[in-house]
Amino acid sequence: MKVSQAKKLIAAALLGAFAISYPVTVDARVHDPKVETKSVERKLPTLRERVAETMSKFKPAEDEEIFDAFETQRNFSVPTTVSTSDTSIIGTPIATQQQCVKYLLRNNPNPNLKVSAEEIVAYYYEEGAREGIRPDVAFAQALKETGFFRYGGDVIPEQNNYCGLGTTGGGVKGEFFATPQLGVRAHIQHLLAYSSTRRPSMPVVDPRYGLVRQAYGSRTLGKWQDLNGRWAVPGRYYGQEILSMFRDILIQ
């Protein structure tokens, strides 16, 4: 055997041993004798695929109940109010919407509102029913706070603030709300903050909701008279006066 042929055989043997000792990995360069040298590349997911994968992790289970804020059926129970002597904040209406409208217009034929008397009353019944707050009594509270929507105090009609939220006297106007319905919703949510530990069904628009819940913790106020000295200061007969107006609504 010639020296040159012996060197070739030794070189081939060494290359074979190298190939056996170091197997090709996914990212290694491989050689196909039929094509030019190339690299095996991983296919990275697109941005759309990565977003879809991430969102799929947050999909609720098939048996998980999804809350619909506009669903008419409540996921909590509310006791039916059957007597005018019942002074609970939570309950159902006794007065009709027509009685509320008639009572308002009898005391103020031209209420200073951005909507009609019928619309403002309808908002109280819609928002009250959603949270289990008695809408007819809440409306009576709004009449007391605004002077039958005449205003004249620190709050102005443009605020859509019907319950004195954030007012402390001395020219402090309190909270502003973008629409009449949001103003009513904030009023109802503020009543809920005092009377229940249950979170509102709709997103919180009452800026003082958290303050009340933090202050009261697991404690709640059950009756309108319990608002005396709390909602209004000194407010010695605050709740009683609201209930008196509510009972006047019933005789319309």
C-alpha atoms as a PDB file:
ATOM      1  CA  MET A   1       0.000   0.000   0.000  1.00  0.00           C
ATOM      2  CA  LYS A   2       1.274   3.399  -0.903  1.00  0.00           C
ATOM      3  CA  VAL A   3       1.843   6.046   1.778  1.00  0.00           C
ATOM      4  CA  SER A   4      -0.733   8.436   0.258  1.00  0.00           C
ATOM      5  CA  GLN A   5      -3.460   5.761   0.247  1.00  0.00           C
ATOM      6  CA  ALA A   6      -2.701   4.904   3.896  1.00  0.00           C
ATOM      7  CA  LYS A   7      -3.129   8.555   4.915  1.00  0.00           C
ATOM      8  CA  LYS A   8      -6.528   8.718   3.199  1.00  0.00           C
ATOM      9  CA  LEU A   9      -7.737   5.601   5.032  1.00  0.00           C
ATOM     10  CA  ILE A  10      -6.627   6.976   8.401  1.00  0.00           C
ATOM     11  CA  ALA A  11      -8.354  10.309   7.723  1.00  0.00           C
ATOM     12  CA  ALA A  12     -11.622   8.596   6.767  1.00  0.00           C
ATOM     13  CA  ALA A  13     -11.510   6.502   9.945  1.00  0.00           C
ATOM     14  CA  LEU A  14     -11.010   9.597  12.089  1.00  0.00           C
ATOM     15  CA  LEU A  15     -13.919  11.415  10.433  1.00  0.00           C
ATOM     16  CA  GLY A  16     -16.190   8.441  10.999  1.00  0.00           C
ATOM     17  CA  ALA A  17     -15.313   8.334  14.688  1.00  0.00           C
ATOM     18  CA  PHE A  18     -15.995  12.085  14.989  1.00  0.00           C
ATOM     19  CA  ALA A  19     -19.445  11.684  13.441  1.00  0.00           C
ATOM     20  CA  ILE A  20     -20.349   8.876  15.839  1.00  0.00           C
ATOM     21  CA  SER A  21     -19.133  10.780  18.918  1.00  0.00           C
ATOM     22  CA  TYR A  22     -21.063  13.999  18.116  1.00  0.00           C
ATOM     23  CA  PRO A  23     -24.589  13.364  16.776  1.00  0.00           C
ATOM     24  CA  VAL A  24     -26.266  16.139  14.852  1.00  0.00           C
ATOM     25  CA  THR A  25     -28.598  18.369  16.898  1.00  0.00           C
ATOM     26  CA  VAL A  26     -31.610  20.340  15.725  1.00  0.00           C
ATOM     27  CA  ASP A  27     -29.645  23.535  15.254  1.00  0.00           C
ATOM     28  CA  ALA A  28     -26.467  21.913  13.795  1.00  0.00           C
ATOM     29  CA  ARG A  29     -25.542  22.433  10.212  1.00  0.00           C
ATOM     30  CA  VAL A  30     -26.191  19.276   8.169  1.00  0.00           C
ATOM     31  CA  HIS A  31     -25.079  18.361   4.709  1.00  0.00           C
ATOM     32  CA  ASP A  32     -27.102  16.897   1.903  1.00  0.00           C
ATOM     33  CA  PRO A  33     -24.815  15.870  -0.956  1.00  0.00           C
ATOM     34  CA  LYS A  34     -27.519  16.763  -3.461  1.00  0.00           C
ATOM     35  CA  VAL A  35     -27.898  20.361  -2.318  1.00  0.00           C
ATOM     36  CA  GLU A  36     -25.698  23.092  -0.996  1.00  0.00           C
ATOM     37  CA  THR A  37     -24.837  23.331   2.687  1.00  0.00           C
ATOM     38  CA  LYS A  38     -27.751  24.801   4.691  1.00  0.00           C
ATOM     39  CA  SER A  39     -29.019  25.295   8.260  1.00  0.00           C
ATOM     40  CA  VAL A  40     -32.130  23.736   9.809  1.00  0.00           C
ATOM     41  CA  GLU A  41     -34.097  26.682  11.289  1.00  0.00           C
ATOM     42  CA  ARG A  42     -36.813  26.644  13.939  1.00  0.00           C
ATOM     43  CA  LYS A  43     -40.095  28.235  12.813  1.00  0.00           C
ATOM     44  CA  LEU A  44     -40.941  30.981  15.327  1.00  0.00           C
ATOM     45  CA  PRO A  45     -44.634  31.714  16.044  1.00  0.00           C
ATOM     46  CA  THR A  46     -46.058  34.900  14.607  1.00  0.00           C
ATOM     47  CA  LEU A  47     -47.323  37.739  16.830  1.00  0.00           C
ATOM     48  CA  ARG A  48     -50.928  36.756  16.057  1.00  0.00           C
ATOM     49  CA  GLU A  49     -50.249  33.153  17.094  1.00  0.00           C
ATOM     50  CA  ARG A  50     -48.580  34.246  20.342  1.00  0.00           C
ATOM     51  CA  VAL A  51     -51.520  36.549  21.220  1.00  0.00           C
ATOM     52  CA  ALA A  52     -53.995  33.769  20.479  1.00  0.00           C
ATOM     53  CA  GLU A  53     -52.037  31.353  22.681  1.00  0.00           C
ATOM     54  CA  THR A  54     -51.916  33.866  25.546  1.00  0.00           C
ATOM     55  CA  MET A  55     -55.630  34.714  25.346  1.00  0.00           C
ATOM     56  CA  SER A  56     -56.577  31.037  25.260  1.00  0.00           C
ATOM     57  CA  LYS A  57     -55.192  30.691  28.787  1.00  0.00           C
ATOM     58  CA  PHE A  58     -57.839  33.125  30.037  1.00  0.00           C
ATOM     59  CA  LYS A  59     -60.832  31.485  28.419  1.00  0.00           C
ATOM     60  CA  PRO A  60     -63.375  30.460  31.061  1.00  0.00           C
ATOM     61  CA  ALA A  61     -64.202  26.858  31.581  1.00  0.00           C
ATOM     62  CA  GLU A  62     -67.300  25.633  29.796  1.00  0.00           C
ATOM     63  CA  ASP A  63     -69.243  25.396  33.053  1.00  0.00           C
ATOM     64  CA  GLU A  64     -68.071  28.786  34.346  1.00  0.00           C
ATOM     65  CA  GLU A  65     -70.852  31.394  34.613  1.00  0.00           C
ATOM     66  CA  ILE A  66     -70.091  34.678  32.844  1.00  0.00           C
ATOM     67  CA  PHE A  67     -71.708  37.759  34.405  1.00  0.00           C
ATOM     68  CA  ASP A  68     -73.682  39.943  32.030  1.00  0.00           C
ATOM     69  CA  ALA A  69     -74.116  43.435  33.442  1.00  0.00           C
ATOM     70  CA  PHE A  70     -77.274  43.923  31.383  1.00  0.00           C
ATOM     71  CA  GLU A  71     -78.868  40.634  32.346  1.00  0.00           C
ATOM     72  CA  THR A  72     -82.240  41.238  33.965  1.00  0.00           C
ATOM     73  CA  GLN A  73     -81.971  38.301  36.360  1.00  0.00           C
ATOM     74  CA  ARG A  74     -80.085  39.158  39.560  1.00  0.00           C
ATOM     75  CA  ASN A  75     -77.647  36.745  41.156  1.00  0.00           C
ATOM     76  CA  PHE A  76     -78.785  37.818  44.637  1.00  0.00           C
ATOM     77  CA  SER A  77     -82.122  37.892  46.420  1.00  0.00           C
ATOM     78  CA  VAL A  78     -83.991  41.011  47.538  1.00  0.00           C
ATOM     79  CA  PRO A  79     -86.798  40.930  50.114  1.00  0.00           C
ATOM     80  CA  THR A  80     -90.141  42.177  48.831  1.00  0.00           C
ATOM     81  CA  THR A  81     -91.304  45.367  50.524  1.00  0.00           C
ATOM     82  CA  VAL A  82     -94.998  45.024  51.392  1.00  0.00           C
ATOM     83  CA  SER A  83     -95.642  47.722  53.982  1.00  0.00           C
ATOM     84  CA  THR A  84     -95.078  51.466  54.285  1.00  0.00           C
ATOM     85  CA  SER A  85     -93.884  50.825  57.830  1.00  0.00           C
ATOM     86  CA  ASP A  86     -90.900  48.905  56.459  1.00  0.00           C
ATOM     87  CA  THR A  87     -87.953  51.304  56.697  1.00  0.00           C
ATOM     88  CA  SER A  88     -85.300  49.060  55.115  1.00  0.00           C
ATOM     89  CA  ILE A  89     -82.964  50.530  52.513  1.00  0.00           C
ATOM     90  CA  ILE A  90     -82.828  47.276  50.565  1.00  0.00           C
ATOM     91  CA  GLY A  91     -86.096  46.091  49.070  1.00  0.00           C
ATOM     92  CA  THR A  92     -88.561  46.579  46.239  1.00  0.00           C
ATOM     93  CA  PRO A  93     -90.705  49.606  45.348  1.00  0.00           C
ATOM     94  CA  ILE A  94     -94.222  50.202  46.609  1.00  0.00           C
ATOM     95  CA  ALA A  95     -94.897  53.463  44.786  1.00  0.00           C
ATOM     96  CA  THR A  96     -95.284  53.407  41.003  1.00  0.00           C
ATOM     97  CA  GLN A  97     -93.190  55.457  38.629  1.00  0.00           C
ATOM     98  CA  GLN A  98     -96.286  57.465  37.720  1.00  0.00           C
ATOM     99  CA  GLN A  99     -96.828  58.391  41.374  1.00  0.00           C
ATOM    100  CA  CYS A 100     -93.218  59.587  41.636  1.00  0.00           C
ATOM    101  CA  VAL A 101     -93.538  61.734  38.506  1.00  0.00           C
ATOM    102  CA  LYS A 102     -96.844  63.218  39.659  1.00  0.00           C
ATOM    103  CA  TYR A 103     -95.455  64.063  43.102  1.00  0.00           C
ATOM    104  CA  LEU A 104     -92.417  65.794  41.603  1.00  0.00           C
ATOM    105  CA  LEU A 105     -94.411  67.868  39.114  1.00  0.00           C
ATOM    106  CA  ARG A 106     -97.009  68.838  41.712  1.00  0.00           C
ATOM    107  CA  ASN A 107     -94.231  70.332  43.842  1.00  0.00           C
ATOM    108  CA  ASN A 108     -92.147  71.682  40.960  1.00  0.00           C
ATOM    109  CA  PRO A 109     -93.744  71.826  37.484  1.00  0.00           C
ATOM    110  CA  ASN A 110     -90.387  72.804  35.929  1.00  0.00           C
ATOM    111  CA  PRO A 111     -87.627  70.662  37.484  1.00  0.00           C
ATOM    112  CA  ASN A 112     -84.123  71.766  36.519  1.00  0.00           C
ATOM    113  CA  LEU A 113     -83.026  68.555  34.837  1.00  0.00           C
ATOM    114  CA  LYS A 114     -81.316  67.560  31.593  1.00  0.00           C
ATOM    115  CA  VAL A 115     -84.008  64.920  31.052  1.00  0.00           C
ATOM    116  CA  SER A 116     -87.753  64.743  31.609  1.00  0.00           C
ATOM    117  CA  ALA A 117     -89.343  63.891  34.953  1.00  0.00           C
ATOM    118  CA  GLU A 118     -90.383  60.538  33.517  1.00  0.00           C
ATOM    119  CA  GLU A 119     -86.817  59.722  32.468  1.00  0.00           C
ATOM    120  CA  ILE A 120     -85.198  60.599  35.790  1.00  0.00           C
ATOM    121  CA  VAL A 121     -87.743  58.446  37.638  1.00  0.00           C
ATOM    122  CA  ALA A 122     -87.168  55.580  35.182  1.00  0.00           C
ATOM    123  CA  TYR A 123     -83.426  55.765  35.899  1.00  0.00           C
ATOM    124  CA  TYR A 124     -84.069  55.407  39.624  1.00  0.00           C
ATOM    125  CA  TYR A 125     -86.235  52.344  39.064  1.00  0.00           C
ATOM    126  CA  GLU A 126     -83.722  50.785  36.661  1.00  0.00           C
ATOM    127  CA  GLU A 127     -80.654  51.386  38.822  1.00  0.00           C
ATOM    128  CA  GLY A 128     -82.472  50.615  42.058  1.00  0.00           C
ATOM    129  CA  ALA A 129     -83.773  47.295  40.753  1.00  0.00           C
ATOM    130  CA  ARG A 130     -80.286  46.381  39.530  1.00  0.00           C
ATOM    131  CA  GLU A 131     -78.789  46.770  43.025  1.00  0.00           C
ATOM    132  CA  GLY A 132     -81.776  45.859  45.206  1.00  0.00           C
ATOM    133  CA  ILE A 133     -82.179  49.409  46.571  1.00  0.00           C
ATOM    134  CA  ARG A 134     -85.723  50.724  46.992  1.00  0.00           C
ATOM    135  CA  PRO A 135     -86.029  53.174  44.082  1.00  0.00           C
ATOM    136  CA  ASP A 136     -89.101  55.044  45.282  1.00  0.00           C
ATOM    137  CA  VAL A 137     -87.461  55.963  48.595  1.00  0.00           C
ATOM    138  CA  ALA A 138     -84.148  56.760  46.879  1.00  0.00           C
ATOM    139  CA  PHE A 139     -86.061  59.108  44.589  1.00  0.00           C
ATOM    140  CA  ALA A 140     -87.639  60.763  47.639  1.00  0.00           C
ATOM    141  CA  GLN A 141     -84.116  61.271  48.986  1.00  0.00           C
ATOM    142  CA  ALA A 142     -83.114  62.958  45.725  1.00  0.00           C
ATOM    143  CA  LEU A 143     -86.108  65.282  46.013  1.00  0.00           C
ATOM    144  CA  LYS A 144     -85.061  66.205  49.537  1.00  0.00           C
ATOM    145  CA  GLU A 145     -81.423  66.767  48.579  1.00  0.00           C
ATOM    146  CA  THR A 146     -82.194  68.937  45.535  1.00  0.00           C
ATOM    147  CA  GLY A 147     -85.320  70.722  46.728  1.00  0.00           C
ATOM    148  CA  PHE A 148     -87.465  68.984  44.103  1.00  0.00           C
ATOM    149  CA  PHE A 149     -84.688  69.665  41.570  1.00  0.00           C
ATOM    150  CA  ARG A 150     -84.712  73.404  42.182  1.00  0.00           C
ATOM    151  CA  TYR A 151     -81.230  73.296  43.722  1.00  0.00           C
ATOM    152  CA  GLY A 152     -80.148  76.669  45.098  1.00  0.00           C
ATOM    153  CA  GLY A 153     -77.348  75.382  47.335  1.00  0.00           C
ATOM    154  CA  ASP A 154     -73.755  74.476  46.515  1.00  0.00           C
ATOM    155  CA  VAL A 155     -74.681  71.843  43.904  1.00  0.00           C
ATOM    156  CA  ILE A 156     -75.721  73.038  40.453  1.00  0.00           C
ATOM    157  CA  PRO A 157     -77.958  71.142  37.965  1.00  0.00           C
ATOM    158  CA  GLU A 158     -75.074  70.580  35.515  1.00  0.00           C
ATOM    159  CA  GLN A 159     -73.408  68.241  38.017  1.00  0.00           C
ATOM    160  CA  ASN A 160     -76.104  65.551  37.692  1.00  0.00           C
ATOM    161  CA  ASN A 161     -75.469  65.032  41.391  1.00  0.00           C
ATOM    162  CA  TYR A 162     -78.824  64.267  42.979  1.00  0.00           C
ATOM    163  CA  CYS A 163     -77.803  63.263  46.477  1.00  0.00           C
ATOM    164  CA  GLY A 164     -75.136  65.735  47.569  1.00  0.00           C
ATOM    165  CA  LEU A 165     -72.215  63.400  46.934  1.00  0.00           C
ATOM    166  CA  GLY A 166     -69.008  65.079  48.031  1.00  0.00           C
ATOM    167  CA  THR A 167     -70.598  68.299  49.240  1.00  0.00           C
ATOM    168  CA  THR A 168     -69.419  69.590  52.603  1.00  0.00           C
ATOM    169  CA  GLY A 169     -70.823  73.126  52.577  1.00  0.00           C
ATOM    170  CA  GLY A 170     -69.002  76.395  52.218  1.00  0.00           C
ATOM    171  CA  GLY A 171     -69.220  76.404  48.436  1.00  0.00           C
ATOM    172  CA  VAL A 172     -67.854  72.878  47.911  1.00  0.00           C
ATOM    173  CA  LYS A 173     -69.867  71.602  44.954  1.00  0.00           C
ATOM    174  CA  GLY A 174     -69.014  67.930  45.269  1.00  0.00           C
ATOM    175  CA  GLU A 175     -68.999  65.346  42.492  1.00  0.00           C
ATOM    176  CA  PHE A 176     -69.810  65.829  38.796  1.00  0.00           C
ATOM    177  CA  PHE A 177     -71.312  63.081  36.602  1.00  0.00           C
ATOM    178  CA  ALA A 178     -71.372  63.043  32.809  1.00  0.00           C
ATOM    179  CA  THR A 179     -75.023  62.033  32.416  1.00  0.00           C
ATOM    180  CA  PRO A 180     -78.185  61.970  34.520  1.00  0.00           C
ATOM    181  CA  GLN A 181     -78.191  58.167  34.552  1.00  0.00           C
ATOM    182  CA  LEU A 182     -74.634  58.037  35.866  1.00  0.00           C
ATOM    183  CA  GLY A 183     -75.641  60.497  38.564  1.00  0.00           C
ATOM    184  CA  VAL A 184     -78.517  58.229  39.574  1.00  0.00           C
ATOM    185  CA  ARG A 185     -76.237  55.180  39.455  1.00  0.00           C
ATOM    186  CA  ALA A 186     -73.736  56.852  41.767  1.00  0.00           C
ATOM    187  CA  HIS A 187     -76.562  57.667  44.202  1.00  0.00           C
ATOM    188  CA  ILE A 188     -77.791  54.065  44.229  1.00  0.00           C
ATOM    189  CA  GLN A 189     -74.255  52.706  44.591  1.00  0.00           C
ATOM    190  CA  HIS A 190     -73.627  55.028  47.531  1.00  0.00           C
ATOM    191  CA  LEU A 191     -76.727  53.670  49.251  1.00  0.00           C
ATOM    192  CA  LEU A 192     -75.502  50.141  48.524  1.00  0.00           C
ATOM    193  CA  ALA A 193     -72.117  50.992  50.071  1.00  0.00           C
ATOM    194  CA  TYR A 194     -73.852  51.769  53.350  1.00  0.00           C
ATOM    195  CA  SER A 195     -76.392  48.952  53.305  1.00  0.00           C
ATOM    196  CA  SER A 196     -74.497  45.928  51.928  1.00  0.00           C
ATOM    197  CA  THR A 197     -71.039  44.412  51.566  1.00  0.00           C
ATOM    198  CA  ARG A 198     -72.025  43.152  48.108  1.00  0.00           C
ATOM    199  CA  ARG A 199     -70.220  44.812  45.224  1.00  0.00           C
ATOM    200  CA  PRO A 200     -72.331  46.783  42.719  1.00  0.00           C
ATOM    201  CA  SER A 201     -73.474  44.926  39.624  1.00  0.00           C
ATOM    202  CA  MET A 202     -72.155  47.673  37.361  1.00  0.00           C
ATOM    203  CA  PRO A 203     -68.691  49.282  37.424  1.00  0.00           C
ATOM    204  CA  VAL A 204     -68.400  51.687  40.356  1.00  0.00           C
ATOM    205  CA  VAL A 205     -69.048  55.322  39.433  1.00  0.00           C
ATOM    206  CA  ASP A 206     -69.540  56.567  42.996  1.00  0.00           C
ATOM    207  CA  PRO A 207     -66.158  58.129  43.878  1.00  0.00           C
ATOM    208  CA  ARG A 208     -66.843  57.662  47.593  1.00  0.00           C
ATOM    209  CA  TYR A 209     -67.979  54.042  47.444  1.00  0.00           C
ATOM    210  CA  GLY A 210     -64.582  52.694  48.517  1.00  0.00           C
ATOM    211  CA  LEU A 211     -64.305  55.166  51.383  1.00  0.00           C
ATOM    212  CA  VAL A 212     -67.596  54.003  52.887  1.00  0.00           C
ATOM    213  CA  ARG A 213     -66.791  50.318  52.498  1.00  0.00           C
ATOM    214  CA  GLN A 214     -63.330  50.798  53.997  1.00  0.00           C
ATOM    215  CA  ALA A 215     -64.772  52.664  56.969  1.00  0.00           C
ATOM    216  CA  TYR A 216     -67.588  50.196  57.650  1.00  0.00           C
ATOM    217  CA  GLY A 217     -65.886  46.912  56.810  1.00  0.00           C
ATOM    218  CA  SER A 218     -68.309  44.094  57.552  1.00  0.00           C
ATOM    219  CA  ARG A 219     -70.811  46.473  59.188  1.00  0.00           C
ATOM    220  CA  THR A 220     -73.840  47.788  57.280  1.00  0.00           C
ATOM    221  CA  LEU A 221     -76.761  50.141  57.844  1.00  0.00           C
ATOM    222  CA  GLY A 222     -80.154  48.529  57.411  1.00  0.00           C
ATOM    223  CA  LYS A 223     -82.663  51.381  57.694  1.00  0.00           C
ATOM    224  CA  TRP A 224     -83.084  54.853  56.259  1.00  0.00           C
ATOM    225  CA  GLN A 225     -83.009  56.320  59.788  1.00  0.00           C
ATOM    226  CA  ASP A 226     -79.501  54.892  60.164  1.00  0.00           C
ATOM    227  CA  LEU A 227     -78.333  57.543  57.689  1.00  0.00           C
ATOM    228  CA  ASN A 228     -79.014  60.236  60.297  1.00  0.00           C
ATOM    229  CA  GLY A 229     -75.781  62.046  61.076  1.00  0.00           C
ATOM    230  CA  ARG A 230     -73.944  59.984  58.477  1.00  0.00           C
ATOM    231  CA  TRP A 231     -75.250  60.973  55.052  1.00  0.00           C
ATOM    232  CA  ALA A 232     -76.241  64.397  56.341  1.00  0.00           C
ATOM    233  CA  VAL A 233     -74.731  66.204  59.317  1.00  0.00           C
ATOM    234  CA  PRO A 234     -76.212  66.824  61.791  1.00  0.00           C
ATOM    235  CA  GLY A 235     -79.188  65.184  60.019  1.00  0.00           C
ATOM    236  CA  ARG A 236     -81.041  64.343  63.207  1.00  0.00           C
ATOM    237  CA  TYR A 237     -84.276  63.390  61.395  1.00  0.00           C
ATOM    238  CA  TYR A 238     -82.790  62.925  57.939  1.00  0.00           C
ATOM    239  CA  GLY A 239     -84.070  59.370  57.335  1.00  0.00           C
ATOM    240  CA  GLN A 240     -87.486  60.096  58.822  1.00  0.00           C
ATOM    241  CA  GLU A 241     -87.967  63.084  56.514  1.00  0.00           C
ATOM    242  CA  ILE A 242     -87.098  60.956  53.470  1.00  0.00           C
ATOM    243  CA  LEU A 243     -89.626  58.306  54.526  1.00  0.00           C
ATOM    244  CA  SER A 244     -92.255  61.001  55.085  1.00  0.00           C
ATOM    245  CA  MET A 245     -91.771  62.232  51.507  1.00  0.00           C
ATOM    246  CA  PHE A 246     -91.947  58.646  50.256  1.00  0.00           C
ATOM    247  CA  ARG A 247     -95.317  58.178  51.965  1.00  0.00           C
ATOM    248  CA  ASP A 248     -96.546  61.426  50.410  1.00  0.00           C
ATOM    249  CA  ILE A 249     -95.673  59.973  47.002  1.00  0.00           C
ATOM    250  CA  LEU A 250     -98.044  57.083  47.665  1.00  0.00           C
ATOM    251  CA  ILE A 251    -101.114  59.308  48.008  1.00  0.00           C
ATOM    252  CA  GLN A 252    -100.733  60.873  44.556  1.00  0.00           C
END
